[in-house]
Protein backbone atom coordinates (compact mmCIF):
# COMPACT_ATOMS: atom_id res chain seq x y z
CA MET A 1 -33.89 -9.33 50.08
CA GLU A 2 -32.91 -12.52 48.25
CA LYS A 3 -33.93 -10.94 44.93
CA ILE A 4 -31.77 -7.89 45.62
CA VAL A 5 -28.75 -10.07 46.42
CA ALA A 6 -29.32 -12.13 43.29
CA ARG A 7 -29.46 -9.00 41.16
CA LEU A 8 -26.25 -7.69 42.70
CA LEU A 9 -24.49 -10.99 42.04
CA CYS A 10 -25.66 -10.99 38.43
CA SER A 11 -24.47 -7.41 37.96
CA ALA A 12 -21.07 -8.27 39.45
CA ALA A 13 -20.76 -11.24 37.12
CA LEU A 14 -21.38 -9.03 34.10
CA PHE A 15 -18.44 -6.79 34.96
CA THR A 16 -16.01 -9.50 36.06
CA PRO A 17 -12.99 -9.69 33.72
CA ILE A 18 -12.95 -12.80 31.54
CA THR A 19 -9.77 -14.35 30.19
CA ALA A 20 -9.99 -14.94 26.44
CA PHE A 21 -7.80 -17.50 24.71
CA ALA A 22 -6.77 -17.77 21.08
CA GLN A 23 -7.40 -20.82 18.92
CA SER A 24 -5.65 -23.62 20.82
CA ALA A 25 -6.09 -26.38 18.26
CA ALA A 26 -6.07 -26.63 14.49
CA SER A 27 -9.35 -25.95 12.74
CA ASP A 28 -10.32 -25.80 9.09
CA PHE A 29 -10.27 -22.32 7.54
CA THR A 30 -8.91 -20.78 10.76
CA ASN A 31 -5.83 -18.57 10.93
CA GLY A 32 -3.90 -17.88 14.11
CA THR A 33 -2.09 -14.65 15.05
CA ARG A 34 0.30 -14.29 17.96
CA TYR A 35 1.27 -11.02 19.69
CA ASN A 36 3.84 -9.89 22.21
CA LEU A 37 3.17 -7.67 25.24
CA ALA A 38 3.64 -4.58 23.05
CA HIS A 39 0.79 -5.78 20.78
CA ARG A 40 3.14 -6.46 17.88
CA VAL A 41 2.47 -9.47 15.68
CA THR A 42 5.08 -12.13 16.45
CA GLY A 43 3.64 -14.96 14.40
CA THR A 44 0.89 -16.12 12.09
CA ILE A 45 -0.32 -19.65 11.37
CA ALA A 46 -2.44 -20.63 8.38
CA PRO A 47 -4.81 -23.61 8.30
CA ASP A 48 -3.57 -26.95 7.01
CA PRO A 49 -4.31 -26.80 3.26
CA ASP A 50 -4.79 -30.53 2.67
CA GLY A 51 -5.81 -32.09 5.97
CA SER A 52 -4.00 -35.40 6.30
CA GLY A 53 -1.97 -34.74 3.14
CA PRO A 54 1.75 -33.94 3.02
CA LEU A 55 1.38 -30.16 3.23
CA HIS A 56 1.61 -28.38 6.58
CA HIS A 57 0.56 -25.09 8.18
CA LEU A 58 2.21 -22.13 6.46
CA ALA A 59 3.58 -19.86 9.17
CA VAL A 60 5.50 -16.62 9.65
CA ARG A 61 7.60 -15.66 12.66
CA ASN A 62 8.56 -12.02 13.33
CA THR A 63 11.48 -10.86 15.48
CA TYR A 64 11.86 -7.35 16.91
CA ASP A 65 14.91 -5.64 18.39
CA SER A 66 15.05 -3.79 21.72
CA GLU A 67 13.75 -0.64 19.98
CA GLY A 68 10.66 -2.44 18.75
CA ARG A 69 11.78 -2.51 15.12
CA LEU A 70 11.01 -5.50 12.93
CA VAL A 71 14.41 -7.01 12.15
CA ARG A 72 13.65 -10.53 10.93
CA VAL A 73 10.76 -12.28 9.20
CA GLU A 74 10.95 -16.06 8.88
CA ALA A 75 8.53 -17.81 6.55
CA GLY A 76 8.05 -21.54 6.47
CA ALA A 77 5.78 -24.36 7.58
CA LEU A 78 4.76 -25.86 10.92
CA SER A 79 4.40 -29.62 11.14
CA SER A 80 1.59 -29.15 13.67
CA TRP A 81 -0.55 -26.34 15.07
CA GLN A 82 1.08 -24.46 17.95
CA SER A 83 -0.98 -23.40 20.96
CA GLU A 84 -1.20 -19.72 21.91
CA THR A 85 0.68 -20.60 25.10
CA ILE A 86 3.79 -21.30 23.01
CA ALA A 87 5.60 -18.16 21.88
CA PRO A 88 6.67 -18.24 18.22
CA VAL A 89 10.32 -18.12 19.27
CA SER A 90 9.75 -21.55 20.85
CA TRP A 91 7.72 -23.13 18.06
CA SER A 92 8.60 -26.78 17.47
CA GLY A 93 8.51 -28.36 14.04
CA PHE A 94 8.94 -25.01 12.28
CA ALA A 95 10.81 -25.51 9.00
CA VAL A 96 12.08 -22.11 7.90
CA GLN A 97 12.19 -21.73 4.13
CA GLN A 98 12.92 -18.02 3.71
CA VAL A 99 14.40 -15.34 5.96
CA THR A 100 14.14 -11.58 5.48
CA ASP A 101 16.55 -9.49 7.57
CA VAL A 102 16.11 -5.73 7.94
CA SER A 103 18.72 -3.17 9.05
CA TYR A 104 18.11 0.40 10.24
CA ASP A 105 20.16 3.54 10.72
CA LEU A 106 20.36 5.64 13.89
CA LEU A 107 17.19 7.49 12.87
CA ASP A 108 15.20 4.22 12.63
CA ARG A 109 15.06 4.36 8.83
CA LYS A 110 15.27 1.11 6.91
CA VAL A 111 18.60 0.99 5.07
CA LYS A 112 18.89 -2.64 3.96
CA GLU A 113 16.68 -5.64 3.43
CA SER A 114 18.13 -9.02 2.54
CA VAL A 115 16.37 -12.25 1.63
CA SER A 116 18.06 -15.60 2.22
CA ALA A 117 17.36 -19.31 2.27
CA ALA A 118 19.43 -22.04 3.91
CA GLY A 119 22.05 -19.45 4.86
CA THR A 120 22.58 -18.09 1.34
CA VAL A 121 21.58 -14.51 0.52
CA TYR A 122 19.71 -14.27 -2.76
CA GLN A 123 18.39 -10.71 -2.77
CA VAL A 124 19.48 -7.40 -1.24
CA THR A 125 17.61 -4.09 -1.40
CA GLN A 126 19.33 -0.96 -0.13
CA TYR A 127 17.79 2.42 0.79
CA SER A 128 19.30 5.87 1.24
CA TYR A 129 17.87 9.23 2.28
CA ASP A 130 18.59 12.88 1.61
CA VAL A 131 19.68 15.42 4.22
CA VAL A 132 16.11 16.08 5.34
CA GLY A 133 15.19 12.41 5.68
CA ARG A 134 13.26 11.79 2.47
CA LEU A 135 13.73 8.51 0.62
CA GLN A 136 16.19 9.34 -2.14
CA CYS A 137 17.23 6.03 -3.71
CA THR A 138 16.15 2.42 -3.64
CA ALA A 139 18.65 -0.06 -5.07
CA VAL A 140 17.94 -3.69 -5.85
CA ARG A 141 21.45 -5.14 -5.88
CA MET A 142 21.93 -7.67 -8.68
CA ASP A 143 25.51 -8.89 -8.15
CA PRO A 144 25.74 -11.48 -5.34
CA GLY A 145 29.49 -10.87 -5.23
CA SER A 146 28.87 -7.35 -3.90
CA PHE A 147 26.31 -8.24 -1.25
CA GLY A 148 28.93 -8.20 1.49
CA SER A 149 30.55 -4.89 0.47
CA LEU A 150 27.81 -2.53 -0.64
CA PRO A 151 28.47 1.17 -1.31
CA ALA A 152 27.38 3.58 1.41
CA SER A 153 24.71 5.13 -0.83
CA ALA A 154 21.91 3.31 -2.58
CA CYS A 155 22.29 5.87 -5.38
CA THR A 156 25.64 4.32 -6.36
CA GLN A 157 26.14 1.25 -8.52
CA SER A 158 27.96 -1.51 -6.63
CA ASN A 159 30.08 -2.16 -9.72
CA PRO A 160 30.27 0.97 -11.92
CA SER A 161 32.05 -0.94 -14.70
CA ASN A 162 29.08 -3.31 -14.89
CA PRO A 163 26.07 -1.24 -13.76
CA ILE A 164 23.41 -3.90 -13.39
CA ASP A 165 21.82 -2.77 -10.11
CA ARG A 166 18.21 -1.58 -10.37
CA ILE A 167 18.29 1.89 -8.80
CA THR A 168 15.25 4.15 -8.48
CA LYS A 169 15.87 7.79 -7.52
CA ASN A 170 13.35 10.32 -6.21
CA LEU A 171 13.71 14.07 -6.84
CA TYR A 172 11.93 16.68 -4.72
CA ASP A 173 11.27 20.41 -4.99
CA ASP A 174 11.92 23.02 -2.29
CA ALA A 175 8.49 22.34 -0.79
CA GLY A 176 9.34 18.66 -0.32
CA GLN A 177 7.01 17.52 -3.09
CA LEU A 178 8.02 14.55 -5.23
CA VAL A 179 8.60 16.00 -8.72
CA GLN A 180 10.32 13.15 -10.55
CA VAL A 181 11.01 9.42 -10.25
CA ARG A 182 14.03 8.20 -12.21
CA LYS A 183 14.66 4.51 -12.90
CA ALA A 184 17.76 2.62 -14.05
CA THR A 185 19.81 5.36 -12.39
CA ALA A 186 23.55 5.41 -13.15
CA THR A 187 23.14 3.22 -16.24
CA GLY A 188 23.08 3.97 -19.94
CA VAL A 189 19.31 3.50 -20.08
CA GLU A 190 18.27 5.81 -17.23
CA GLN A 191 14.76 7.18 -17.66
CA ALA A 192 12.48 9.73 -16.05
CA TYR A 193 9.74 7.28 -15.20
CA VAL A 194 7.25 9.96 -14.13
CA THR A 195 7.35 13.73 -13.55
CA TYR A 196 4.89 15.76 -11.46
CA SER A 197 3.96 19.40 -10.96
CA TYR A 198 1.69 20.87 -8.30
CA THR A 199 -0.86 23.61 -7.72
CA PRO A 200 -0.09 26.41 -5.22
CA ASN A 201 -2.13 24.40 -2.68
CA GLY A 202 0.07 21.34 -3.15
CA LYS A 203 -2.31 19.30 -5.27
CA GLN A 204 -0.86 17.25 -8.11
CA GLU A 205 -1.61 19.06 -11.38
CA TYR A 206 0.42 17.77 -14.34
CA VAL A 207 1.72 14.21 -14.71
CA VAL A 208 4.22 13.30 -17.45
CA ASP A 209 5.08 9.68 -18.21
CA ALA A 210 8.38 8.27 -19.50
CA ASN A 211 7.34 8.91 -23.12
CA GLY A 212 6.47 12.55 -22.56
CA ASN A 213 2.70 12.12 -22.52
CA LYS A 214 1.14 14.73 -20.25
CA ALA A 215 -2.10 14.48 -18.27
CA ARG A 216 -3.69 17.08 -16.03
CA LEU A 217 -5.73 16.97 -12.83
CA THR A 218 -7.95 19.97 -12.07
CA TRP A 219 -9.41 20.89 -8.69
CA ASP A 220 -12.41 22.90 -7.52
CA GLU A 221 -12.35 25.74 -4.98
CA PHE A 222 -12.39 23.20 -2.14
CA ASP A 223 -9.45 21.24 -3.58
CA ARG A 224 -11.63 18.35 -4.66
CA GLN A 225 -10.69 16.72 -7.94
CA ALA A 226 -12.87 18.18 -10.69
CA GLN A 227 -11.35 16.69 -13.85
CA TRP A 228 -8.78 14.26 -15.10
CA GLN A 229 -7.67 15.40 -18.56
CA PHE A 230 -5.80 12.91 -20.73
CA PRO A 231 -2.81 13.32 -23.08
CA SER A 232 -3.12 14.40 -26.68
CA ALA A 233 -3.00 11.56 -29.20
CA THR A 234 -0.14 13.39 -30.92
CA ALA A 235 3.18 12.11 -29.58
CA PRO A 236 5.59 14.78 -28.34
CA THR A 237 8.72 15.61 -30.32
CA GLY A 238 11.95 16.70 -28.70
CA PHE A 239 10.98 15.42 -25.27
CA ASN A 240 13.86 16.09 -22.84
CA PRO A 241 13.42 14.43 -19.43
CA SER A 242 16.88 15.26 -18.08
CA THR A 243 15.39 17.42 -15.29
CA PRO A 244 11.87 17.85 -13.91
CA ALA A 245 11.70 21.33 -15.46
CA THR A 246 12.74 20.23 -18.95
CA ALA A 247 10.49 17.17 -18.80
CA MET A 248 7.51 19.35 -17.99
CA SER A 249 8.29 22.03 -20.58
CA THR A 250 8.99 19.63 -23.48
CA ALA A 251 6.23 17.11 -22.81
CA GLY A 252 3.27 16.73 -25.12
CA ALA A 253 -0.02 18.59 -24.94
CA VAL A 254 -3.09 17.83 -22.87
CA ASN A 255 -6.34 17.13 -24.69
CA ALA A 256 -8.88 19.10 -22.65
CA ASN A 257 -11.71 17.46 -24.60
CA ASP A 258 -10.72 13.97 -23.45
CA TYR A 259 -11.49 13.88 -19.76
CA GLU A 260 -13.29 12.50 -16.75
CA ALA A 261 -15.26 14.96 -14.58
CA TYR A 262 -16.55 14.76 -11.01
CA SER A 263 -18.97 16.78 -8.89
CA TYR A 264 -19.78 16.75 -5.18
CA ASP A 265 -22.50 17.64 -2.73
CA ALA A 266 -22.16 20.10 0.16
CA ASN A 267 -20.65 17.39 2.37
CA GLY A 268 -17.93 16.52 -0.12
CA ASN A 269 -19.50 13.25 -1.30
CA ARG A 270 -18.92 12.53 -4.97
CA THR A 271 -22.31 12.62 -6.68
CA THR A 272 -21.45 12.39 -10.38
CA ALA A 273 -18.64 10.88 -12.40
CA ARG A 274 -18.50 11.56 -16.12
CA LYS A 275 -16.26 9.02 -17.89
CA ARG A 276 -14.19 9.47 -21.04
CA ASP A 277 -16.84 7.77 -23.20
CA VAL A 278 -19.44 10.27 -21.91
CA TRP A 279 -21.06 7.63 -19.70
CA GLN A 280 -22.09 9.40 -16.48
CA TRP A 281 -22.70 7.88 -13.07
CA THR A 282 -24.91 9.79 -10.61
CA ALA A 283 -25.81 9.15 -6.98
CA ALA A 284 -27.74 10.91 -4.25
CA CYS A 285 -26.83 10.61 -0.57
CA ILE A 286 -28.59 10.22 2.75
CA GLY A 287 -27.47 13.17 4.82
CA GLY A 288 -26.81 13.17 8.53
CA ARG A 289 -26.15 9.45 8.96
CA GLY A 290 -22.80 8.75 7.41
CA ASP A 291 -23.78 10.28 4.04
CA ARG A 292 -24.59 6.88 2.53
CA PHE A 293 -25.30 6.58 -1.19
CA THR A 294 -28.85 6.12 -2.45
CA SER A 295 -30.42 5.85 -5.90
CA PRO A 296 -27.38 5.42 -8.17
CA SER A 297 -28.19 5.90 -11.86
CA SER A 298 -26.34 6.23 -15.14
CA VAL A 299 -26.60 8.04 -18.46
CA GLY A 300 -25.10 6.73 -21.69
CA GLU A 301 -24.12 3.44 -20.12
CA PRO A 302 -23.95 0.40 -22.43
CA SER A 303 -26.83 -2.02 -21.88
CA TRP A 304 -24.54 -4.93 -21.02
CA HIS A 305 -23.16 -2.96 -18.07
CA ARG A 306 -26.42 -1.86 -16.47
CA ASN A 307 -26.64 -4.80 -14.10
CA ALA A 308 -23.57 -3.40 -12.33
CA ILE A 309 -25.56 -0.39 -11.08
CA PRO A 310 -26.91 -1.28 -7.62
CA ALA A 311 -30.52 -0.86 -6.53
CA THR A 312 -31.81 2.02 -4.44
CA PHE A 313 -30.81 2.05 -0.78
CA ALA A 314 -32.77 3.65 2.05
CA ASP A 315 -32.22 4.21 5.75
CA SER A 316 -33.49 1.30 7.85
CA GLY A 317 -33.85 3.53 10.90
CA LEU A 318 -31.22 1.49 12.75
CA GLY A 319 -28.18 3.11 11.19
CA ARG A 320 -28.07 0.43 8.50
CA ASP A 321 -28.82 0.63 4.79
CA ARG A 322 -31.88 -1.16 3.47
CA ARG A 323 -31.93 -2.24 -0.16
CA ASN A 324 -35.19 -1.60 -1.97
């Protein structure tokens, strides 16, 4: 009877909830993270970098609004480690060096981010969205005199007579696919930074850079990337990037003989990768247990690089790989 009672007590002890506490005192190489009741990170504390030296614990304090949105990030240093029983809002000895404030619209989209120090705003980034909620423009405002009276749209220069703001604009097609990214928008040096086209299945096919060089991605019947074909060495003439359509039609040619190629097994694991210099990497896989790689090998690889190819791996029988 005594043995039965002892076993029952041991079993009950195993299932009794245990209270776990975070790091309560400073320790070398130990970081601390603090959370609120909604499991959001409210603070982080880094270890003291120089022990008894003049440097202190780097720390970050996050503030959320009633909707759970991150609205302020304060970065600075703590003169001493703060126990997990002290909420970051009540940290003592926290010297704030930089503050990032974030504003949102009624749809919870970030519309402005400002960075300040000692009460002075040094950087403002503004965001605007199109009618279906896609990010349309991102503007890094460069004139401190306009920080307090920004235009409603991030696509607009804050001072059209002196267009120094860094504005990036995204263009989309009717399917909602990003087809062009334009930089230095609303300035005399605006450029089509990159232009994309897509397959009927929505996979990226052609990519054109700001100089009109065109690359191509090809896909197999399962929409796995089969090749990456690189631009022709001949520079395009008459490249016109004014619209996604003209950028694509006037870009240079693709060199189908300059490519990387990939193949896959029946489970979709990549088994070969042929590089541009004809070096080919090959690997087999263990099926049924996470499809782990075994026996990597290479063809045409330079001798100085061969040490980078790992040894053969086999199944240990415990769900772990064993290196042979």
